[in-house]
Amino acid sequence: MANTDITQRSQYERSDLLAGGEGLRRGSEKGAAAYSVIALIIGVALAYGALKTIDNWAQWLVLAVIVGFTVAVAVAIGPNRKGSGSQFKTGR
């Protein structure tokens, strides 16, 4: 930062380039809600079908490992983890 002029510095500190993403345009909230409801219904139907077809302990073990891995990945990439950038300033 020491060897930059005023235009380079102002370009670097632009508010739309900050980590929060507040300046980014988002899609429709109604569309996201509709997608979430449809995905939830399909997910519940598939989960019900999977649970009805499990016959022995080995299949339950595989299902438990898959669920555990999915939860671990969600925690690892979640927005509240340390170092995710959620504590950065979002404006001037």
PDB file of N, CA and C in Angstrom:
ATOM      1  N   MET A   1       0.808  -1.189   0.000  1.00  0.00           N
ATOM      2  CA  MET A   1       0.000   0.000   0.000  1.00  0.00           C
ATOM      3  C   MET A   1       0.858   1.264   0.000  1.00  0.00           C
ATOM      4  N   ALA A   2       2.092   1.168   0.372  1.00  0.00           N
ATOM      5  CA  ALA A   2       2.934   2.349   0.487  1.00  0.00           C
ATOM      6  C   ALA A   2       3.270   2.941  -0.874  1.00  0.00           C
ATOM      7  N   ASN A   3       3.378   2.112  -1.904  1.00  0.00           N
ATOM      8  CA  ASN A   3       3.786   2.610  -3.220  1.00  0.00           C
ATOM      9  C   ASN A   3       2.611   2.773  -4.176  1.00  0.00           C
ATOM     10  N   THR A   4       1.440   3.074  -3.673  1.00  0.00           N
ATOM     11  CA  THR A   4       0.280   3.260  -4.538  1.00  0.00           C
ATOM     12  C   THR A   4      -0.121   4.729  -4.568  1.00  0.00           C
ATOM     13  N   ASP A   5      -0.671   5.126  -5.699  1.00  0.00           N
ATOM     14  CA  ASP A   5      -1.192   6.492  -5.752  1.00  0.00           C
ATOM     15  C   ASP A   5      -2.665   6.481  -5.334  1.00  0.00           C
ATOM     16  N   ILE A   6      -3.313   7.622  -5.344  1.00  0.00           N
ATOM     17  CA  ILE A   6      -4.662   7.740  -4.812  1.00  0.00           C
ATOM     18  C   ILE A   6      -5.686   6.952  -5.624  1.00  0.00           C
ATOM     19  N   THR A   7      -5.507   6.855  -6.936  1.00  0.00           N
ATOM     20  CA  THR A   7      -6.478   6.097  -7.730  1.00  0.00           C
ATOM     21  C   THR A   7      -6.340   4.593  -7.498  1.00  0.00           C
ATOM     22  N   GLN A   8      -5.105   4.131  -7.360  1.00  0.00           N
ATOM     23  CA  GLN A   8      -4.917   2.710  -7.071  1.00  0.00           C
ATOM     24  C   GLN A   8      -5.464   2.363  -5.691  1.00  0.00           C
ATOM     25  N   ARG A   9      -5.262   3.226  -4.730  1.00  0.00           N
ATOM     26  CA  ARG A   9      -5.758   2.973  -3.382  1.00  0.00           C
ATOM     27  C   ARG A   9      -7.286   2.982  -3.346  1.00  0.00           C
ATOM     28  N   SER A  10      -7.901   3.935  -4.028  1.00  0.00           N
ATOM     29  CA  SER A  10      -9.366   3.970  -4.027  1.00  0.00           C
ATOM     30  C   SER A  10      -9.948   2.774  -4.770  1.00  0.00           C
ATOM     31  N   GLN A  11      -9.262   2.304  -5.795  1.00  0.00           N
ATOM     32  CA  GLN A  11      -9.705   1.095  -6.488  1.00  0.00           C
ATOM     33  C   GLN A  11      -9.607  -0.112  -5.563  1.00  0.00           C
ATOM     34  N   TYR A  12      -8.541  -0.183  -4.775  1.00  0.00           N
ATOM     35  CA  TYR A  12      -8.333  -1.303  -3.855  1.00  0.00           C
ATOM     36  C   TYR A  12      -9.373  -1.308  -2.741  1.00  0.00           C
ATOM     37  N   GLU A  13      -9.801  -0.149  -2.291  1.00  0.00           N
ATOM     38  CA  GLU A  13     -10.733  -0.046  -1.166  1.00  0.00           C
ATOM     39  C   GLU A  13     -12.182   0.104  -1.599  1.00  0.00           C
ATOM     40  N   ARG A  14     -12.495  -0.230  -2.825  1.00  0.00           N
ATOM     41  CA  ARG A  14     -13.882  -0.111  -3.283  1.00  0.00           C
ATOM     42  C   ARG A  14     -14.798  -0.957  -2.423  1.00  0.00           C
ATOM     43  N   SER A  15     -15.951  -0.423  -2.066  1.00  0.00           N
ATOM     44  CA  SER A  15     -16.854  -1.135  -1.162  1.00  0.00           C
ATOM     45  C   SER A  15     -17.475  -2.361  -1.813  1.00  0.00           C
ATOM     46  N   ASP A  16     -17.579  -2.386  -3.149  1.00  0.00           N
ATOM     47  CA  ASP A  16     -18.169  -3.566  -3.781  1.00  0.00           C
ATOM     48  C   ASP A  16     -17.182  -4.731  -3.878  1.00  0.00           C
ATOM     49  N   LEU A  17     -15.913  -4.508  -3.524  1.00  0.00           N
ATOM     50  CA  LEU A  17     -14.938  -5.596  -3.526  1.00  0.00           C
ATOM     51  C   LEU A  17     -14.677  -6.154  -2.134  1.00  0.00           C
ATOM     52  N   LEU A  18     -15.337  -5.627  -1.118  1.00  0.00           N
ATOM     53  CA  LEU A  18     -15.106  -6.093   0.240  1.00  0.00           C
ATOM     54  C   LEU A  18     -15.719  -7.470   0.452  1.00  0.00           C
ATOM     55  N   ALA A  19     -15.309  -8.134   1.510  1.00  0.00           N
ATOM     56  CA  ALA A  19     -15.634  -9.546   1.714  1.00  0.00           C
ATOM     57  C   ALA A  19     -17.102  -9.813   2.003  1.00  0.00           C
ATOM     58  N   GLY A  20     -17.840  -8.856   2.506  1.00  0.00           N
ATOM     59  CA  GLY A  20     -19.219  -9.109   2.905  1.00  0.00           C
ATOM     60  C   GLY A  20     -20.160  -9.394   1.759  1.00  0.00           C
ATOM     61  N   GLY A  21     -19.885  -8.871   0.594  1.00  0.00           N
ATOM     62  CA  GLY A  21     -20.754  -9.105  -0.539  1.00  0.00           C
ATOM     63  C   GLY A  21     -22.037  -8.299  -0.488  1.00  0.00           C
ATOM     64  N   GLU A  22     -22.079  -7.229   0.295  1.00  0.00           N
ATOM     65  CA  GLU A  22     -23.290  -6.434   0.437  1.00  0.00           C
ATOM     66  C   GLU A  22     -23.656  -5.710  -0.849  1.00  0.00           C
ATOM     67  N   GLY A  23     -22.679  -5.390  -1.675  1.00  0.00           N
ATOM     68  CA  GLY A  23     -22.957  -4.664  -2.899  1.00  0.00           C
ATOM     69  C   GLY A  23     -23.384  -5.552  -4.049  1.00  0.00           C
ATOM     70  N   LEU A  24     -23.391  -6.860  -3.855  1.00  0.00           N
ATOM     71  CA  LEU A  24     -23.740  -7.768  -4.929  1.00  0.00           C
ATOM     72  C   LEU A  24     -25.252  -7.907  -5.042  1.00  0.00           C
ATOM     73  N   ARG A  25     -25.729  -7.990  -6.264  1.00  0.00           N
ATOM     74  CA  ARG A  25     -27.159  -8.151  -6.497  1.00  0.00           C
ATOM     75  C   ARG A  25     -27.537  -9.604  -6.275  1.00  0.00           C
ATOM     76  N   ARG A  26     -28.615  -9.801  -5.550  1.00  0.00           N
ATOM     77  CA  ARG A  26     -29.083 -11.160  -5.308  1.00  0.00           C
ATOM     78  C   ARG A  26     -30.335 -11.423  -6.129  1.00  0.00           C
ATOM     79  N   GLY A  27     -30.662 -12.673  -6.280  1.00  0.00           N
ATOM     80  CA  GLY A  27     -31.867 -13.054  -7.014  1.00  0.00           C
ATOM     81  C   GLY A  27     -33.113 -12.871  -6.170  1.00  0.00           C
ATOM     82  N   SER A  28     -34.191 -13.327  -6.686  1.00  0.00           N
ATOM     83  CA  SER A  28     -35.488 -13.187  -6.041  1.00  0.00           C
ATOM     84  C   SER A  28     -35.563 -14.040  -4.773  1.00  0.00           C
ATOM     85  N   GLU A  29     -36.029 -13.433  -3.701  1.00  0.00           N
ATOM     86  CA  GLU A  29     -36.207 -14.188  -2.450  1.00  0.00           C
ATOM     87  C   GLU A  29     -37.376 -15.166  -2.583  1.00  0.00           C
ATOM     88  N   LYS A  30     -38.392 -14.806  -3.360  1.00  0.00           N
ATOM     89  CA  LYS A  30     -39.542 -15.691  -3.556  1.00  0.00           C
ATOM     90  C   LYS A  30     -39.121 -16.947  -4.312  1.00  0.00           C
ATOM     91  N   GLY A  31     -38.258 -16.778  -5.317  1.00  0.00           N
ATOM     92  CA  GLY A  31     -37.768 -17.929  -6.074  1.00  0.00           C
ATOM     93  C   GLY A  31     -36.926 -18.854  -5.216  1.00  0.00           C
ATOM     94  N   ALA A  32     -36.118 -18.272  -4.334  1.00  0.00           N
ATOM     95  CA  ALA A  32     -35.303 -19.086  -3.435  1.00  0.00           C
ATOM     96  C   ALA A  32     -36.172 -19.854  -2.454  1.00  0.00           C
ATOM     97  N   ALA A  33     -37.235 -19.224  -1.971  1.00  0.00           N
ATOM     98  CA  ALA A  33     -38.140 -19.896  -1.044  1.00  0.00           C
ATOM     99  C   ALA A  33     -38.876 -21.044  -1.736  1.00  0.00           C
ATOM    100  N   ALA A  34     -39.319 -20.829  -2.963  1.00  0.00           N
ATOM    101  CA  ALA A  34     -40.010 -21.886  -3.712  1.00  0.00           C
ATOM    102  C   ALA A  34     -39.067 -23.053  -3.974  1.00  0.00           C
ATOM    103  N   TYR A  35     -37.831 -22.746  -4.353  1.00  0.00           N
ATOM    104  CA  TYR A  35     -36.849 -23.807  -4.578  1.00  0.00           C
ATOM    105  C   TYR A  35     -36.606 -24.595  -3.293  1.00  0.00           C
ATOM    106  N   SER A  36     -36.516 -23.906  -2.166  1.00  0.00           N
ATOM    107  CA  SER A  36     -36.264 -24.575  -0.892  1.00  0.00           C
ATOM    108  C   SER A  36     -37.407 -25.515  -0.526  1.00  0.00           C
ATOM    109  N   VAL A  37     -38.633 -25.083  -0.744  1.00  0.00           N
ATOM    110  CA  VAL A  37     -39.792 -25.931  -0.426  1.00  0.00           C
ATOM    111  C   VAL A  37     -39.804 -27.161  -1.328  1.00  0.00           C
ATOM    112  N   ILE A  38     -39.587 -26.969  -2.615  1.00  0.00           N
ATOM    113  CA  ILE A  38     -39.590 -28.107  -3.552  1.00  0.00           C
ATOM    114  C   ILE A  38     -38.448 -29.066  -3.232  1.00  0.00           C
ATOM    115  N   ALA A  39     -37.261 -28.545  -2.943  1.00  0.00           N
ATOM    116  CA  ALA A  39     -36.118 -29.401  -2.603  1.00  0.00           C
ATOM    117  C   ALA A  39     -36.377 -30.159  -1.305  1.00  0.00           C
ATOM    118  N   LEU A  40     -37.024 -29.526  -0.340  1.00  0.00           N
ATOM    119  CA  LEU A  40     -37.339 -30.190   0.924  1.00  0.00           C
ATOM    120  C   LEU A  40     -38.328 -31.332   0.709  1.00  0.00           C
ATOM    121  N   ILE A  41     -39.340 -31.108  -0.092  1.00  0.00           N
ATOM    122  CA  ILE A  41     -40.336 -32.166  -0.364  1.00  0.00           C
ATOM    123  C   ILE A  41     -39.670 -33.347  -1.073  1.00  0.00           C
ATOM    124  N   ILE A  42     -38.858 -33.064  -2.074  1.00  0.00           N
ATOM    125  CA  ILE A  42     -38.166 -34.146  -2.796  1.00  0.00           C
ATOM    126  C   ILE A  42     -37.198 -34.871  -1.863  1.00  0.00           C
ATOM    127  N   GLY A  43     -36.482 -34.120  -1.030  1.00  0.00           N
ATOM    128  CA  GLY A  43     -35.549 -34.731  -0.088  1.00  0.00           C
ATOM    129  C   GLY A  43     -36.238 -35.638   0.917  1.00  0.00           C
ATOM    130  N   VAL A  44     -37.377 -35.201   1.439  1.00  0.00           N
ATOM    131  CA  VAL A  44     -38.129 -36.029   2.391  1.00  0.00           C
ATOM    132  C   VAL A  44     -38.626 -37.295   1.708  1.00  0.00           C
ATOM    133  N   ALA A  45     -39.132 -37.192   0.481  1.00  0.00           N
ATOM    134  CA  ALA A  45     -39.606 -38.375  -0.246  1.00  0.00           C
ATOM    135  C   ALA A  45     -38.468 -39.361  -0.502  1.00  0.00           C
ATOM    136  N   LEU A  46     -37.321 -38.860  -0.903  1.00  0.00           N
ATOM    137  CA  LEU A  46     -36.179 -39.756  -1.147  1.00  0.00           C
ATOM    138  C   LEU A  46     -35.663 -40.380   0.147  1.00  0.00           C
ATOM    139  N   ALA A  47     -35.646 -39.604   1.229  1.00  0.00           N
ATOM    140  CA  ALA A  47     -35.209 -40.145   2.518  1.00  0.00           C
ATOM    141  C   ALA A  47     -36.156 -41.233   2.996  1.00  0.00           C
ATOM    142  N   TYR A  48     -37.448 -41.017   2.826  1.00  0.00           N
ATOM    143  CA  TYR A  48     -38.437 -42.030   3.219  1.00  0.00           C
ATOM    144  C   TYR A  48     -38.229 -43.321   2.428  1.00  0.00           C
ATOM    145  N   GLY A  49     -38.014 -43.176   1.123  1.00  0.00           N
ATOM    146  CA  GLY A  49     -37.774 -44.355   0.292  1.00  0.00           C
ATOM    147  C   GLY A  49     -36.502 -45.082   0.680  1.00  0.00           C
ATOM    148  N   ALA A  50     -35.465 -44.328   1.022  1.00  0.00           N
ATOM    149  CA  ALA A  50     -34.202 -44.958   1.423  1.00  0.00           C
ATOM    150  C   ALA A  50     -34.360 -45.689   2.753  1.00  0.00           C
ATOM    151  N   LEU A  51     -35.055 -45.084   3.693  1.00  0.00           N
ATOM    152  CA  LEU A  51     -35.216 -45.715   4.999  1.00  0.00           C
ATOM    153  C   LEU A  51     -36.088 -46.966   4.931  1.00  0.00           C
ATOM    154  N   LYS A  52     -37.030 -47.003   4.006  1.00  0.00           N
ATOM    155  CA  LYS A  52     -37.891 -48.185   3.861  1.00  0.00           C
ATOM    156  C   LYS A  52     -37.147 -49.367   3.243  1.00  0.00           C
ATOM    157  N   THR A  53     -36.087 -49.115   2.483  1.00  0.00           N
ATOM    158  CA  THR A  53     -35.394 -50.218   1.797  1.00  0.00           C
ATOM    159  C   THR A  53     -34.202 -50.762   2.566  1.00  0.00           C
ATOM    160  N   ILE A  54     -33.834 -50.144   3.677  1.00  0.00           N
ATOM    161  CA  ILE A  54     -32.688 -50.638   4.453  1.00  0.00           C
ATOM    162  C   ILE A  54     -33.084 -51.893   5.212  1.00  0.00           C
ATOM    163  N   ASP A  55     -32.301 -53.000   5.007  1.00  0.00           N
ATOM    164  CA  ASP A  55     -32.637 -54.263   5.675  1.00  0.00           C
ATOM    165  C   ASP A  55     -31.676 -54.687   6.768  1.00  0.00           C
ATOM    166  N   ASN A  56     -30.425 -54.312   6.732  1.00  0.00           N
ATOM    167  CA  ASN A  56     -29.495 -54.844   7.728  1.00  0.00           C
ATOM    168  C   ASN A  56     -28.614 -53.732   8.303  1.00  0.00           C
ATOM    169  N   TRP A  57     -27.801 -54.130   9.276  1.00  0.00           N
ATOM    170  CA  TRP A  57     -26.993 -53.158  10.016  1.00  0.00           C
ATOM    171  C   TRP A  57     -25.922 -52.513   9.148  1.00  0.00           C
ATOM    172  N   ALA A  58     -25.411 -53.224   8.141  1.00  0.00           N
ATOM    173  CA  ALA A  58     -24.367 -52.669   7.284  1.00  0.00           C
ATOM    174  C   ALA A  58     -24.893 -51.486   6.470  1.00  0.00           C
ATOM    175  N   GLN A  59     -26.099 -51.592   6.007  1.00  0.00           N
ATOM    176  CA  GLN A  59     -26.689 -50.481   5.268  1.00  0.00           C
ATOM    177  C   GLN A  59     -26.947 -49.286   6.193  1.00  0.00           C
ATOM    178  N   TRP A  60     -27.343 -49.560   7.434  1.00  0.00           N
ATOM    179  CA  TRP A  60     -27.517 -48.471   8.405  1.00  0.00           C
ATOM    180  C   TRP A  60     -26.181 -47.791   8.687  1.00  0.00           C
ATOM    181  N   LEU A  61     -25.120 -48.593   8.761  1.00  0.00           N
ATOM    182  CA  LEU A  61     -23.790 -48.034   8.999  1.00  0.00           C
ATOM    183  C   LEU A  61     -23.349 -47.128   7.843  1.00  0.00           C
ATOM    184  N   VAL A  62     -23.589 -47.562   6.619  1.00  0.00           N
ATOM    185  CA  VAL A  62     -23.238 -46.746   5.458  1.00  0.00           C
ATOM    186  C   VAL A  62     -24.035 -45.444   5.467  1.00  0.00           C
ATOM    187  N   LEU A  63     -25.315 -45.522   5.789  1.00  0.00           N
ATOM    188  CA  LEU A  63     -26.143 -44.318   5.866  1.00  0.00           C
ATOM    189  C   LEU A  63     -25.632 -43.376   6.953  1.00  0.00           C
ATOM    190  N   ALA A  64     -25.253 -43.924   8.099  1.00  0.00           N
ATOM    191  CA  ALA A  64     -24.733 -43.092   9.184  1.00  0.00           C
ATOM    192  C   ALA A  64     -23.430 -42.402   8.791  1.00  0.00           C
ATOM    193  N   VAL A  65     -22.561 -43.096   8.068  1.00  0.00           N
ATOM    194  CA  VAL A  65     -21.304 -42.488   7.623  1.00  0.00           C
ATOM    195  C   VAL A  65     -21.580 -41.371   6.615  1.00  0.00           C
ATOM    196  N   ILE A  66     -22.515 -41.594   5.707  1.00  0.00           N
ATOM    197  CA  ILE A  66     -22.865 -40.563   4.728  1.00  0.00           C
ATOM    198  C   ILE A  66     -23.439 -39.331   5.419  1.00  0.00           C
ATOM    199  N   VAL A  67     -24.341 -39.531   6.362  1.00  0.00           N
ATOM    200  CA  VAL A  67     -24.939 -38.401   7.092  1.00  0.00           C
ATOM    201  C   VAL A  67     -23.874 -37.675   7.916  1.00  0.00           C
ATOM    202  N   GLY A  68     -23.018 -38.426   8.589  1.00  0.00           N
ATOM    203  CA  GLY A  68     -21.962 -37.813   9.380  1.00  0.00           C
ATOM    204  C   GLY A  68     -20.997 -36.995   8.523  1.00  0.00           C
ATOM    205  N   PHE A  69     -20.645 -37.518   7.370  1.00  0.00           N
ATOM    206  CA  PHE A  69     -19.752 -36.794   6.461  1.00  0.00           C
ATOM    207  C   PHE A  69     -20.416 -35.516   5.951  1.00  0.00           C
ATOM    208  N   THR A  70     -21.702 -35.604   5.630  1.00  0.00           N
ATOM    209  CA  THR A  70     -22.430 -34.428   5.147  1.00  0.00           C
ATOM    210  C   THR A  70     -22.481 -33.339   6.208  1.00  0.00           C
ATOM    211  N   VAL A  71     -22.742 -33.710   7.448  1.00  0.00           N
ATOM    212  CA  VAL A  71     -22.770 -32.733   8.540  1.00  0.00           C
ATOM    213  C   VAL A  71     -21.379 -32.134   8.745  1.00  0.00           C
ATOM    214  N   ALA A  72     -20.343 -32.953   8.685  1.00  0.00           N
ATOM    215  CA  ALA A  72     -18.976 -32.455   8.866  1.00  0.00           C
ATOM    216  C   ALA A  72     -18.589 -31.462   7.777  1.00  0.00           C
ATOM    217  N   VAL A  73     -18.963 -31.737   6.544  1.00  0.00           N
ATOM    218  CA  VAL A  73     -18.658 -30.812   5.451  1.00  0.00           C
ATOM    219  C   VAL A  73     -19.435 -29.508   5.628  1.00  0.00           C
ATOM    220  N   ALA A  74     -20.699 -29.597   6.045  1.00  0.00           N
ATOM    221  CA  ALA A  74     -21.502 -28.389   6.257  1.00  0.00           C
ATOM    222  C   ALA A  74     -20.901 -27.523   7.355  1.00  0.00           C
ATOM    223  N   VAL A  75     -20.402 -28.136   8.410  1.00  0.00           N
ATOM    224  CA  VAL A  75     -19.762 -27.377   9.484  1.00  0.00           C
ATOM    225  C   VAL A  75     -18.443 -26.778   8.999  1.00  0.00           C
ATOM    226  N   ALA A  76     -17.701 -27.533   8.207  1.00  0.00           N
ATOM    227  CA  ALA A  76     -16.389 -27.070   7.747  1.00  0.00           C
ATOM    228  C   ALA A  76     -16.485 -25.891   6.795  1.00  0.00           C
ATOM    229  N   ILE A  77     -17.519 -25.826   5.975  1.00  0.00           N
ATOM    230  CA  ILE A  77     -17.627 -24.734   5.011  1.00  0.00           C
ATOM    231  C   ILE A  77     -18.685 -23.717   5.388  1.00  0.00           C
ATOM    232  N   GLY A  78     -19.241 -23.837   6.577  1.00  0.00           N
ATOM    233  CA  GLY A  78     -20.300 -22.925   7.012  1.00  0.00           C
ATOM    234  C   GLY A  78     -19.826 -21.493   7.175  1.00  0.00           C
ATOM    235  N   PRO A  79     -20.760 -20.545   7.115  1.00  0.00           N
ATOM    236  CA  PRO A  79     -20.381 -19.129   7.183  1.00  0.00           C
ATOM    237  C   PRO A  79     -19.949 -18.673   8.578  1.00  0.00           C
ATOM    238  N   ASN A  80     -20.204 -19.436   9.618  1.00  0.00           N
ATOM    239  CA  ASN A  80     -19.871 -19.018  10.972  1.00  0.00           C
ATOM    240  C   ASN A  80     -18.555 -19.590  11.476  1.00  0.00           C
ATOM    241  N   ARG A  81     -17.818 -20.301  10.617  1.00  0.00           N
ATOM    242  CA  ARG A  81     -16.555 -20.879  11.063  1.00  0.00           C
ATOM    243  C   ARG A  81     -15.497 -19.798  11.196  1.00  0.00           C
ATOM    244  N   LYS A  82     -14.467 -20.096  11.956  1.00  0.00           N
ATOM    245  CA  LYS A  82     -13.383 -19.147  12.149  1.00  0.00           C
ATOM    246  C   LYS A  82     -12.619 -18.960  10.833  1.00  0.00           C
ATOM    247  N   GLY A  83     -12.373 -17.709  10.469  1.00  0.00           N
ATOM    248  CA  GLY A  83     -11.635 -17.408   9.255  1.00  0.00           C
ATOM    249  C   GLY A  83     -12.481 -17.386   7.992  1.00  0.00           C
ATOM    250  N   SER A  84     -13.798 -17.389   8.145  1.00  0.00           N
ATOM    251  CA  SER A  84     -14.652 -17.416   6.946  1.00  0.00           C
ATOM    252  C   SER A  84     -14.826 -16.046   6.319  1.00  0.00           C
ATOM    253  N   GLY A  85     -14.380 -15.000   7.004  1.00  0.00           N
ATOM    254  CA  GLY A  85     -14.521 -13.673   6.445  1.00  0.00           C
ATOM    255  C   GLY A  85     -15.766 -12.964   6.886  1.00  0.00           C
ATOM    256  N   SER A  86     -16.586 -13.570   7.732  1.00  0.00           N
ATOM    257  CA  SER A  86     -17.836 -12.938   8.141  1.00  0.00           C
ATOM    258  C   SER A  86     -17.611 -11.773   9.106  1.00  0.00           C
ATOM    259  N   GLN A  87     -16.416 -11.621   9.656  1.00  0.00           N
ATOM    260  CA  GLN A  87     -16.147 -10.528  10.563  1.00  0.00           C
ATOM    261  C   GLN A  87     -15.540  -9.314   9.857  1.00  0.00           C
ATOM    262  N   PHE A  88     -15.323  -9.398   8.545  1.00  0.00           N
ATOM    263  CA  PHE A  88     -14.757  -8.275   7.822  1.00  0.00           C
ATOM    264  C   PHE A  88     -15.752  -7.143   7.731  1.00  0.00           C
ATOM    265  N   LYS A  89     -15.231  -5.930   7.602  1.00  0.00           N
ATOM    266  CA  LYS A  89     -16.145  -4.796   7.454  1.00  0.00           C
ATOM    267  C   LYS A  89     -16.794  -4.848   6.081  1.00  0.00           C
ATOM    268  N   THR A  90     -18.036  -4.371   6.015  1.00  0.00           N
ATOM    269  CA  THR A  90     -18.781  -4.449   4.764  1.00  0.00           C
ATOM    270  C   THR A  90     -19.064  -3.083   4.166  1.00  0.00           C
ATOM    271  N   GLY A  91     -18.620  -2.033   4.768  1.00  0.00           N
ATOM    272  CA  GLY A  91     -18.859  -0.710   4.230  1.00  0.00           C
ATOM    273  C   GLY A  91     -17.804   0.256   4.717  1.00  0.00           C
ATOM    274  N   ARG A  92     -18.001   1.487   4.448  1.00  0.00           N
ATOM    275  CA  ARG A  92     -17.014   2.489   4.853  1.00  0.00           C
ATOM    276  C   ARG A  92     -17.228   2.946   6.226  1.00  0.00           C
TER     277      ARG A  92
END
